[in-house]
N, C-alpha and C. Protein backbone atom coordinates (compact mmCIF):
# COMPACT_ATOMS: atom_id res chain seq x y z
N MET A 1 13.70 63.79 87.25
CA MET A 1 14.52 64.90 87.03
C MET A 1 15.46 64.58 85.78
N GLU A 2 16.14 63.25 86.13
CA GLU A 2 17.27 63.19 84.98
C GLU A 2 16.70 62.78 83.89
N ASP A 3 15.46 61.99 83.85
CA ASP A 3 14.76 61.71 82.61
C ASP A 3 14.38 62.85 81.80
N GLN A 4 14.04 64.08 82.46
CA GLN A 4 13.86 65.39 81.73
C GLN A 4 14.99 65.82 81.38
N LYS A 5 16.21 65.76 81.85
CA LYS A 5 17.43 66.34 81.27
C LYS A 5 17.76 65.45 80.09
N LEU A 6 17.53 64.15 80.17
CA LEU A 6 17.67 63.36 79.01
C LEU A 6 16.79 63.86 77.84
N ALA A 7 15.66 64.11 78.06
CA ALA A 7 14.81 64.48 76.86
C ALA A 7 15.08 65.72 76.40
N ALA A 8 15.64 66.79 77.27
CA ALA A 8 16.14 68.02 76.71
C ALA A 8 17.37 67.81 75.87
N TYR A 9 18.17 66.98 76.50
CA TYR A 9 19.46 66.54 75.61
C TYR A 9 19.19 66.17 74.18
N PHE A 10 18.13 65.22 74.15
CA PHE A 10 17.86 64.63 72.88
C PHE A 10 17.21 65.75 71.97
N LYS A 11 16.45 66.49 72.67
CA LYS A 11 15.86 67.71 71.69
C LYS A 11 16.86 68.57 71.20
N GLU A 12 17.80 68.93 72.13
CA GLU A 12 18.96 69.81 71.73
C GLU A 12 19.85 69.13 70.45
N TYR A 13 19.96 67.91 70.65
CA TYR A 13 20.67 67.04 69.57
C TYR A 13 19.92 67.03 68.31
N LEU A 14 18.63 66.92 68.46
CA LEU A 14 17.82 66.65 67.31
C LEU A 14 17.82 68.05 66.58
N ASP A 15 17.65 69.16 67.08
CA ASP A 15 17.68 70.36 66.63
C ASP A 15 18.77 70.80 65.89
N GLU A 16 20.09 70.53 66.41
CA GLU A 16 21.35 70.64 65.81
C GLU A 16 21.42 69.68 64.46
N GLU A 17 20.95 68.43 64.78
CA GLU A 17 21.19 67.48 63.69
C GLU A 17 20.21 67.89 62.54
N PHE A 18 18.96 68.37 62.74
CA PHE A 18 18.06 68.76 61.61
C PHE A 18 18.64 69.92 61.05
N ARG A 19 19.14 70.95 61.66
CA ARG A 19 19.69 72.13 61.05
C ARG A 19 20.98 71.72 60.13
N ASN A 20 21.68 70.73 60.38
CA ASN A 20 22.66 70.21 59.34
C ASN A 20 22.21 69.16 58.51
N ARG A 21 21.01 68.59 58.69
CA ARG A 21 20.58 67.50 57.79
C ARG A 21 19.13 67.68 57.57
N PRO A 22 18.79 68.76 56.67
CA PRO A 22 17.53 69.08 56.62
C PRO A 22 16.46 68.07 56.05
N LEU A 23 17.03 67.28 55.22
CA LEU A 23 16.27 66.10 54.53
C LEU A 23 15.76 65.26 55.55
N ASP A 24 16.56 64.95 56.63
CA ASP A 24 16.21 64.13 57.69
C ASP A 24 15.15 64.65 58.52
N ALA A 25 15.20 65.98 58.68
CA ALA A 25 14.27 66.76 59.25
C ALA A 25 12.72 66.64 58.65
N THR A 26 12.91 66.82 57.38
CA THR A 26 11.69 66.77 56.48
C THR A 26 11.08 65.32 56.66
N ARG A 27 11.96 64.35 56.45
CA ARG A 27 11.44 62.89 56.61
C ARG A 27 10.79 62.65 58.10
N ALA A 28 11.33 63.36 59.09
CA ALA A 28 10.82 63.17 60.28
C ALA A 28 9.57 63.91 60.65
N GLY A 29 9.18 64.82 59.72
CA GLY A 29 7.98 65.55 59.86
C GLY A 29 8.30 67.16 60.39
N ASP A 30 9.59 67.42 60.63
CA ASP A 30 9.92 68.78 60.85
C ASP A 30 10.22 69.55 59.60
N HIS A 31 9.36 70.53 59.31
CA HIS A 31 9.34 71.11 58.13
C HIS A 31 10.12 72.57 58.13
N ARG A 32 10.76 72.86 59.23
CA ARG A 32 11.43 74.23 59.34
C ARG A 32 12.59 74.21 58.22
N PHE A 33 13.12 73.31 57.67
CA PHE A 33 14.23 73.35 56.81
C PHE A 33 13.89 72.77 55.43
N ASP A 34 12.67 72.81 55.03
CA ASP A 34 12.19 72.21 53.72
C ASP A 34 12.93 72.83 52.54
N HIS A 35 13.26 74.17 52.69
CA HIS A 35 13.88 74.92 51.80
C HIS A 35 15.29 74.64 51.67
N LEU A 36 15.93 73.68 52.33
CA LEU A 36 17.41 73.50 52.16
C LEU A 36 17.58 72.17 51.84
N LEU A 37 18.86 71.89 51.30
CA LEU A 37 19.17 70.63 50.95
C LEU A 37 20.44 70.26 51.80
N ASP A 38 20.63 68.85 52.08
CA ASP A 38 21.79 68.37 52.75
C ASP A 38 23.12 68.72 52.09
N ASP A 39 24.09 69.21 52.83
CA ASP A 39 25.50 69.31 52.13
C ASP A 39 26.04 68.05 52.28
N VAL A 40 26.43 67.39 51.12
CA VAL A 40 26.98 66.05 50.96
C VAL A 40 28.48 66.04 50.84
N SER A 41 29.06 67.38 50.91
CA SER A 41 30.64 67.31 50.56
C SER A 41 31.16 66.44 51.83
N ALA A 42 32.64 66.08 51.50
CA ALA A 42 33.38 65.30 52.42
C ALA A 42 33.46 66.19 53.71
N LYS A 43 33.70 67.56 53.57
CA LYS A 43 33.79 68.27 54.79
C LYS A 43 32.60 68.26 55.58
N ALA A 44 31.31 68.35 55.17
CA ALA A 44 30.02 68.11 55.75
C ALA A 44 29.95 66.82 56.42
N ARG A 45 30.19 65.78 55.63
CA ARG A 45 30.19 64.46 56.17
C ARG A 45 31.06 64.27 57.44
N ALA A 46 32.31 64.77 57.29
CA ALA A 46 33.23 64.59 58.45
C ALA A 46 32.96 65.33 59.78
N ALA A 47 32.17 66.63 59.43
CA ALA A 47 31.60 67.41 60.56
C ALA A 47 30.36 66.86 61.18
N ASN A 48 29.60 66.12 60.28
CA ASN A 48 28.49 65.26 60.94
C ASN A 48 28.81 64.16 61.87
N LYS A 49 29.91 63.35 61.30
CA LYS A 49 30.45 62.36 62.12
C LYS A 49 31.07 62.93 63.51
N ALA A 50 32.02 63.91 63.38
CA ALA A 50 32.37 64.49 64.50
C ALA A 50 31.36 65.13 65.53
N ARG A 51 30.38 65.66 65.01
CA ARG A 51 29.19 66.09 65.89
C ARG A 51 28.46 64.94 66.73
N VAL A 52 28.55 63.77 65.99
CA VAL A 52 27.96 62.55 66.62
C VAL A 52 28.90 62.01 67.50
N GLN A 53 30.23 62.02 67.21
CA GLN A 53 31.27 61.51 68.30
C GLN A 53 31.27 62.35 69.32
N LYS A 54 31.18 63.73 69.30
CA LYS A 54 31.14 64.69 70.46
C LYS A 54 29.89 64.25 71.38
N THR A 55 28.68 64.23 70.65
CA THR A 55 27.47 63.81 71.38
C THR A 55 27.63 62.52 72.14
N LEU A 56 28.32 61.67 71.40
CA LEU A 56 28.48 60.17 72.16
C LEU A 56 29.35 60.35 73.53
N ALA A 57 30.34 61.19 73.27
CA ALA A 57 31.37 61.39 74.48
C ALA A 57 30.68 62.29 75.61
N GLU A 58 29.88 63.23 75.27
CA GLU A 58 29.14 64.16 76.11
C GLU A 58 28.10 63.36 76.94
N LEU A 59 27.27 62.44 76.34
CA LEU A 59 26.02 61.74 76.90
C LEU A 59 26.24 61.32 78.17
N PRO A 60 27.22 60.52 78.63
CA PRO A 60 27.35 60.17 79.86
C PRO A 60 27.99 61.19 80.88
N GLN A 61 28.47 62.24 80.35
CA GLN A 61 28.97 63.29 81.25
C GLN A 61 27.80 64.15 81.67
N ARG A 62 26.89 64.39 80.90
CA ARG A 62 25.72 65.28 80.97
C ARG A 62 24.54 64.58 81.59
N ILE A 63 24.46 63.32 81.56
CA ILE A 63 23.31 62.61 81.97
C ILE A 63 23.74 61.54 83.00
N ALA A 64 23.26 61.57 84.18
CA ALA A 64 23.62 60.47 85.32
C ALA A 64 22.71 59.08 85.05
N TYR A 65 23.35 58.10 84.21
CA TYR A 65 22.50 56.81 83.94
C TYR A 65 21.89 56.34 85.07
N PRO A 66 22.68 56.26 86.24
CA PRO A 66 22.06 55.43 87.39
C PRO A 66 20.67 56.20 87.81
N LYS A 67 20.70 57.50 87.59
CA LYS A 67 19.58 58.41 88.16
C LYS A 67 18.22 58.24 87.21
N LEU A 68 18.44 57.71 85.98
CA LEU A 68 17.29 57.48 85.05
C LEU A 68 16.37 56.56 85.51
N SER A 69 15.17 56.70 85.06
CA SER A 69 14.27 55.55 85.29
C SER A 69 14.65 54.49 84.38
N ARG A 70 13.96 53.35 84.52
CA ARG A 70 14.27 52.19 83.69
C ARG A 70 14.07 52.57 82.18
N ASP A 71 13.01 53.08 81.79
CA ASP A 71 12.63 53.55 80.60
C ASP A 71 13.70 54.60 80.05
N GLY A 72 14.26 55.53 80.84
CA GLY A 72 15.08 56.40 80.45
C GLY A 72 16.69 55.78 80.31
N GLN A 73 16.79 54.76 81.03
CA GLN A 73 18.15 53.93 80.81
C GLN A 73 18.09 53.19 79.37
N ILE A 74 16.83 52.67 79.09
CA ILE A 74 16.73 52.02 77.85
C ILE A 74 16.86 53.12 76.83
N ASP A 75 16.20 54.12 76.77
CA ASP A 75 16.46 55.41 75.83
C ASP A 75 17.83 55.71 75.75
N PHE A 76 18.63 55.96 76.84
CA PHE A 76 19.96 56.07 76.81
C PHE A 76 20.95 55.12 76.34
N GLU A 77 20.54 53.76 76.38
CA GLU A 77 21.22 52.73 75.71
C GLU A 77 21.09 52.69 74.21
N ILE A 78 19.70 52.72 73.83
CA ILE A 78 19.47 52.74 72.40
C ILE A 78 20.15 53.84 71.60
N CYS A 79 20.21 55.00 72.30
CA CYS A 79 20.83 56.35 71.54
C CYS A 79 22.24 56.08 71.52
N SER A 80 22.89 55.57 72.70
CA SER A 80 24.29 55.24 72.71
C SER A 80 24.90 54.39 71.64
N ILE A 81 23.93 53.37 71.38
CA ILE A 81 24.25 52.26 70.24
C ILE A 81 24.17 53.02 69.05
N ASN A 82 22.99 53.73 68.83
CA ASN A 82 22.93 54.39 67.60
C ASN A 82 23.97 55.52 67.20
N PHE A 83 24.35 56.15 68.20
CA PHE A 83 25.60 57.13 68.01
C PHE A 83 26.80 56.34 67.50
N SER A 84 26.97 55.33 68.31
CA SER A 84 28.19 54.44 67.92
C SER A 84 28.12 54.01 66.59
N ALA A 85 26.84 53.37 66.18
CA ALA A 85 26.86 52.78 64.88
C ALA A 85 26.81 53.82 63.82
N THR A 86 26.53 55.06 64.05
CA THR A 86 26.61 56.22 63.19
C THR A 86 28.20 56.50 62.96
N CYS A 87 29.07 56.32 63.88
CA CYS A 87 30.43 56.47 63.93
C CYS A 87 31.11 55.40 63.32
N GLY A 88 30.61 54.23 63.17
CA GLY A 88 31.24 53.14 62.57
C GLY A 88 30.45 51.84 62.88
N SER A 89 30.75 51.12 63.92
CA SER A 89 29.76 50.05 64.48
C SER A 89 29.70 50.10 65.99
N ALA A 90 28.72 49.33 66.56
CA ALA A 90 28.50 49.43 67.73
C ALA A 90 28.15 47.92 68.35
N THR A 91 28.60 47.58 69.60
CA THR A 91 28.19 46.35 70.07
C THR A 91 27.21 46.50 71.08
N ILE A 92 26.21 45.72 71.05
CA ILE A 92 25.08 45.80 72.03
C ILE A 92 25.58 45.17 73.36
N PRO A 93 25.55 46.01 74.41
CA PRO A 93 25.95 45.57 75.61
C PRO A 93 25.44 44.08 76.01
N ASN A 94 26.21 43.21 76.55
CA ASN A 94 25.84 42.00 77.01
C ASN A 94 25.56 40.94 75.72
N ARG A 95 25.87 41.51 74.74
CA ARG A 95 25.73 40.52 73.54
C ARG A 95 26.95 40.45 72.77
N SER A 96 27.18 39.47 71.83
CA SER A 96 28.32 39.40 71.07
C SER A 96 28.16 39.89 69.65
N ARG A 97 26.97 40.19 69.18
CA ARG A 97 26.93 40.61 67.74
C ARG A 97 26.94 42.02 67.58
N THR A 98 27.37 42.45 66.38
CA THR A 98 27.54 43.99 66.00
C THR A 98 26.39 44.58 65.30
N ILE A 99 26.10 45.67 65.49
CA ILE A 99 25.16 46.34 64.97
C ILE A 99 25.58 47.11 63.72
N ARG A 100 25.21 46.81 62.55
CA ARG A 100 25.62 47.56 61.35
C ARG A 100 24.35 48.26 60.57
N ALA A 101 23.22 48.01 61.19
CA ALA A 101 22.11 48.37 60.46
C ALA A 101 21.67 49.65 60.46
N PHE A 102 22.14 50.56 61.39
CA PHE A 102 21.88 51.90 61.42
C PHE A 102 23.04 52.68 60.67
N THR A 103 22.53 53.54 59.79
CA THR A 103 23.49 54.40 59.07
C THR A 103 23.16 55.86 59.29
N MET A 104 23.81 56.78 58.71
CA MET A 104 23.64 58.22 58.98
C MET A 104 22.22 58.46 58.33
N SER A 105 21.78 57.80 57.31
CA SER A 105 20.30 58.09 56.82
C SER A 105 19.34 57.61 57.68
N THR A 106 19.45 56.68 58.46
CA THR A 106 18.43 56.12 59.29
C THR A 106 18.50 56.57 60.47
N PHE A 107 19.66 56.99 60.94
CA PHE A 107 19.75 57.35 62.49
C PHE A 107 18.71 58.39 63.01
N PRO A 108 18.47 59.48 62.49
CA PRO A 108 17.54 60.44 63.08
C PRO A 108 16.12 59.95 63.26
N THR A 109 15.66 59.12 62.45
CA THR A 109 14.26 58.54 62.71
C THR A 109 14.31 57.72 63.97
N ALA A 110 15.38 56.69 64.07
CA ALA A 110 15.59 55.93 65.16
C ALA A 110 15.73 56.71 66.46
N PHE A 111 16.39 57.91 66.37
CA PHE A 111 16.58 58.59 67.40
C PHE A 111 15.19 59.41 68.02
N ILE A 112 14.62 59.69 66.99
CA ILE A 112 13.13 60.27 67.34
C ILE A 112 12.48 59.31 68.32
N CYS A 113 12.49 58.05 67.76
CA CYS A 113 11.84 57.03 68.48
C CYS A 113 12.34 56.83 69.78
N CYS A 114 13.58 56.98 69.95
CA CYS A 114 14.40 56.87 71.35
C CYS A 114 14.04 58.04 72.17
N SER A 115 13.65 59.16 71.51
CA SER A 115 13.35 60.41 72.39
C SER A 115 12.05 60.38 72.87
N ARG A 116 11.14 59.48 72.32
CA ARG A 116 9.76 59.64 72.79
C ARG A 116 9.11 60.86 72.52
N ASN A 117 9.64 61.54 71.65
CA ASN A 117 8.72 62.80 71.23
C ASN A 117 8.73 62.92 69.88
N PRO A 118 7.89 61.97 69.10
CA PRO A 118 7.97 62.05 67.66
C PRO A 118 7.26 63.23 67.22
N PRO A 119 7.42 63.74 65.97
CA PRO A 119 6.74 64.98 65.42
C PRO A 119 5.14 64.62 65.43
N SER A 120 4.40 65.53 65.57
CA SER A 120 2.82 65.43 65.75
C SER A 120 2.32 66.34 64.69
N ARG A 121 2.75 66.08 63.49
CA ARG A 121 2.02 67.02 62.39
C ARG A 121 1.21 66.27 61.40
N GLY A 122 0.78 65.10 61.79
CA GLY A 122 -0.04 64.12 61.03
C GLY A 122 0.64 63.48 60.01
N ARG A 123 1.97 63.38 60.04
CA ARG A 123 2.83 62.86 59.02
C ARG A 123 3.32 61.48 59.75
N SER A 124 3.44 60.54 58.84
CA SER A 124 4.14 59.30 59.39
C SER A 124 5.62 59.42 59.31
N THR A 125 6.46 58.93 60.33
CA THR A 125 7.78 58.87 60.54
C THR A 125 8.34 57.45 60.02
N SER A 126 7.46 56.74 59.62
CA SER A 126 7.97 55.26 59.26
C SER A 126 8.41 55.37 57.76
N ARG A 127 9.45 54.53 57.70
CA ARG A 127 10.04 54.53 56.29
C ARG A 127 10.29 52.88 55.88
N THR A 128 10.12 52.62 54.76
CA THR A 128 10.55 51.33 54.23
C THR A 128 11.79 51.38 53.45
N ARG A 129 12.68 50.16 53.72
CA ARG A 129 13.82 50.28 52.94
C ARG A 129 13.81 49.95 51.46
N PRO A 130 14.59 50.56 50.73
CA PRO A 130 14.40 50.23 49.34
C PRO A 130 14.90 48.86 48.99
N SER A 131 14.34 48.17 48.05
CA SER A 131 14.59 46.96 47.86
C SER A 131 15.75 46.82 46.86
N GLY A 132 16.50 45.67 46.99
CA GLY A 132 17.83 45.50 46.26
C GLY A 132 18.82 45.41 46.82
């Protein structure tokens, strides 16, 4: 039951994220927003960060971690780390190193993997990093 709540929460987050970051939606195979471009203004970037911070704060309030299956707990942990990384930096629980690999531009694809519901439109969601 709690795993279903987590999946629904992920979907709710992705729908909102994709509305506000249409290029990430397109990269992830969701073409509802293909006619739009991301707003890259300082105000929009601040709103994106605030939305992720709010989601990070709400996650443990809306989802009972101990009630999740082990797979659900792993998804919860991965997404919590990704939310934290999006907001600045995140420390992996029980480890001393800091994650700085995830940025706002890579986050939604990582989140889709975490949600276990990748788009099924015959398009790949994998990306390669630009060299340089």
